Amino acid sequence: MIKNLLLSAVFSVFLISNSFAAGSSDSSSSNTETKYDMAVTHIKVAKKFEEKDKIEKAKKRYEKAQKLLLQSNKKYPNKPDTLNYLGFTTRKLGDFENGEKYYLQGLKIDPKHIGINEYLGELYVATNRHNLAVGRLEVLKGCNCKEYDDLKAIIAGKKVSKY
């Protein structure tokens, strides 16, 4: 009986200490993820606002996302996914020149990044540089992904970029 009681007490202490440990976090690793994840959430909401033609609300979400991505990139630079979304939000806010710089910086790190190649191709179409857009399409050619099909249709003029 005492043995069972003692065993139960030790087991309870073990469970309680583990539950407290599970709630703690290393701020250095979760901080970047949190800012990046929050930015991605803002981008998804902004895209939905755009689909509903609520452009001003979308713009505010892109601005919030961009600020979070800049903070994330400053603390943890040269992450292709962060640079992709920095290029995207910057482009969506009308700054094609700096958006392109973020995309190109990301491609230096990961030349085959699907998202960067698609979005940069869309930027090239929007800025009447179709030959460069075709170059991005060539990179995506073997990916067997919807991004290839979307960019191909945009370049051909069969589809207008949603974003």
Protein backbone atom coordinates (compact mmCIF):
# COMPACT_ATOMS: atom_id res chain seq x y z
CA MET A 1 0.00 0.00 0.00
CA ILE A 2 2.73 2.49 0.97
CA LYS A 3 4.72 1.37 -2.03
CA ASN A 4 1.75 2.11 -4.34
CA LEU A 5 1.20 5.51 -2.69
CA LEU A 6 4.86 6.42 -3.04
CA LEU A 7 4.89 5.26 -6.67
CA SER A 8 1.77 7.36 -7.39
CA ALA A 9 3.36 10.43 -5.80
CA VAL A 10 6.55 10.08 -7.83
CA PHE A 11 4.54 9.56 -11.03
CA SER A 12 2.41 12.65 -10.29
CA VAL A 13 5.48 14.81 -9.71
CA PHE A 14 6.92 13.54 -12.99
CA LEU A 15 3.73 14.40 -14.90
CA ILE A 16 3.44 17.86 -13.35
CA SER A 17 7.05 18.77 -14.08
CA ASN A 18 6.70 17.61 -17.70
CA SER A 19 3.54 19.63 -18.23
CA PHE A 20 5.30 22.79 -17.03
CA ALA A 21 8.26 22.05 -19.26
CA ALA A 22 5.98 21.59 -22.27
CA GLY A 23 4.61 25.10 -21.77
CA SER A 24 7.99 26.78 -21.73
CA SER A 25 9.67 27.83 -24.92
CA ASP A 26 13.00 28.97 -26.19
CA SER A 27 12.25 32.52 -27.27
CA SER A 28 15.10 32.58 -29.77
CA SER A 29 13.65 29.82 -31.94
CA SER A 30 9.94 30.38 -31.42
CA ASN A 31 10.22 34.14 -31.89
CA THR A 32 11.20 33.84 -35.54
CA GLU A 33 8.66 31.14 -36.23
CA THR A 34 5.99 33.18 -34.54
CA LYS A 35 6.73 36.34 -36.52
CA TYR A 36 6.97 34.38 -39.77
CA ASP A 37 3.82 32.39 -39.01
CA MET A 38 1.94 35.54 -38.04
CA ALA A 39 3.04 37.16 -41.29
CA VAL A 40 1.84 34.18 -43.33
CA THR A 41 -1.52 34.38 -41.56
CA HIS A 42 -1.80 38.08 -42.47
CA ILE A 43 -0.96 37.25 -46.09
CA LYS A 44 -3.64 34.56 -46.27
CA VAL A 45 -6.23 36.96 -44.87
CA ALA A 46 -5.08 39.69 -47.27
CA LYS A 47 -5.54 37.34 -50.23
CA LYS A 48 -9.09 36.60 -49.08
CA PHE A 49 -9.79 40.34 -48.80
CA GLU A 50 -8.48 40.78 -52.35
CA GLU A 51 -10.78 38.05 -53.63
CA LYS A 52 -13.68 40.00 -52.08
CA ASP A 53 -12.37 43.22 -53.66
CA LYS A 54 -11.63 44.74 -50.23
CA ILE A 55 -8.35 46.22 -51.39
CA GLU A 56 -7.77 48.66 -48.52
CA LYS A 57 -8.19 45.90 -45.91
CA ALA A 58 -5.86 43.66 -47.91
CA LYS A 59 -3.25 46.42 -48.09
CA LYS A 60 -3.29 46.83 -44.29
CA ARG A 61 -2.72 43.10 -43.85
CA TYR A 62 0.15 43.14 -46.35
CA GLU A 63 1.71 46.03 -44.43
CA LYS A 64 1.45 44.13 -41.14
CA ALA A 65 2.89 41.01 -42.76
CA GLN A 66 5.76 42.96 -44.27
CA LYS A 67 6.71 44.47 -40.89
CA LEU A 68 6.76 41.03 -39.28
CA LEU A 69 8.80 39.58 -42.13
CA LEU A 70 11.32 42.41 -41.92
CA GLN A 71 11.75 41.71 -38.20
CA SER A 72 12.14 38.01 -38.85
CA ASN A 73 14.63 38.60 -41.67
CA LYS A 74 16.67 40.98 -39.55
CA LYS A 75 17.05 38.47 -36.75
CA TYR A 76 17.42 35.41 -38.99
CA PRO A 77 18.54 36.62 -42.43
CA ASN A 78 18.61 34.77 -45.72
CA LYS A 79 15.70 32.36 -45.28
CA PRO A 80 14.29 31.79 -48.79
CA ASP A 81 10.68 31.47 -47.60
CA THR A 82 10.93 34.74 -45.69
CA LEU A 83 12.51 36.47 -48.69
CA ASN A 84 9.78 35.05 -50.93
CA TYR A 85 7.06 36.58 -48.78
CA LEU A 86 9.02 39.81 -48.38
CA GLY A 87 9.15 40.05 -52.17
CA PHE A 88 5.47 39.21 -52.39
CA THR A 89 4.25 41.72 -49.78
CA THR A 90 6.54 44.43 -51.12
CA ARG A 91 5.24 43.82 -54.65
CA LYS A 92 1.65 43.80 -53.41
CA LEU A 93 2.27 47.19 -51.79
CA GLY A 94 3.32 48.54 -55.20
CA ASP A 95 7.10 48.53 -54.78
CA PHE A 96 8.11 46.26 -57.66
CA GLU A 97 11.77 47.27 -57.58
CA ASN A 98 12.38 46.24 -53.97
CA GLY A 99 10.09 43.24 -54.31
CA GLU A 100 12.32 42.03 -57.12
CA LYS A 101 15.40 42.54 -54.95
CA TYR A 102 13.98 40.27 -52.24
CA TYR A 103 13.08 37.61 -54.80
CA LEU A 104 16.55 37.73 -56.35
CA GLN A 105 18.18 37.55 -52.93
CA GLY A 106 16.12 34.42 -52.21
CA LEU A 107 17.07 32.85 -55.54
CA LYS A 108 20.77 33.29 -54.72
CA ILE A 109 20.16 30.97 -51.76
CA ASP A 110 17.68 28.58 -53.40
CA PRO A 111 17.62 28.97 -57.22
CA LYS A 112 14.81 26.42 -57.64
CA HIS A 113 12.48 27.84 -54.97
CA ILE A 114 9.04 27.26 -56.47
CA GLY A 115 7.27 30.21 -54.83
CA ILE A 116 9.98 32.73 -55.63
CA ASN A 117 10.21 31.62 -59.25
CA GLU A 118 6.44 31.84 -59.73
CA TYR A 119 6.01 35.22 -58.02
CA LEU A 120 9.07 36.70 -59.71
CA GLY A 121 7.70 35.50 -63.04
CA GLU A 122 4.42 37.26 -62.25
CA LEU A 123 6.34 40.42 -61.37
CA TYR A 124 8.15 40.23 -64.71
CA VAL A 125 4.84 39.89 -66.57
CA ALA A 126 3.41 42.86 -64.62
CA THR A 127 6.47 44.94 -65.57
CA ASN A 128 6.40 43.88 -69.25
CA ARG A 129 9.54 41.73 -69.14
CA HIS A 130 8.08 38.59 -70.63
CA ASN A 131 11.46 37.16 -71.63
CA LEU A 132 12.51 37.12 -67.96
CA ALA A 133 9.16 35.60 -66.97
CA VAL A 134 9.79 32.79 -69.47
CA GLY A 135 13.15 32.22 -67.75
CA ARG A 136 11.37 31.70 -64.42
CA LEU A 137 8.94 29.31 -66.15
CA GLU A 138 11.88 27.26 -67.46
CA VAL A 139 13.16 26.82 -63.90
CA LEU A 140 9.72 25.54 -62.85
CA LYS A 141 9.34 23.27 -65.89
CA GLY A 142 10.16 19.99 -64.15
CA CYS A 143 8.43 20.69 -60.84
CA ASN A 144 5.10 19.11 -61.81
CA CYS A 145 3.35 21.79 -59.74
CA LYS A 146 0.43 24.16 -60.08
CA GLU A 147 2.81 27.13 -59.91
CA TYR A 148 4.22 26.11 -63.30
CA ASP A 149 0.73 25.88 -64.82
CA ASP A 150 -0.33 29.20 -63.29
CA LEU A 151 2.73 31.09 -64.49
CA LYS A 152 2.49 29.52 -67.95
CA ALA A 153 -1.14 30.67 -68.27
CA ILE A 154 -0.25 34.17 -67.02
CA ILE A 155 2.61 34.50 -69.51
CA ALA A 156 0.32 33.31 -72.32
CA GLY A 157 -2.30 35.88 -71.31
CA LYS A 158 -4.88 33.15 -70.63
CA LYS A 159 -5.01 34.01 -66.98
CA VAL A 160 -4.58 37.17 -64.96
CA SER A 161 -2.47 36.90 -61.83
CA LYS A 162 -4.68 36.62 -58.76
CA TYR A 163 -1.96 38.18 -56.70
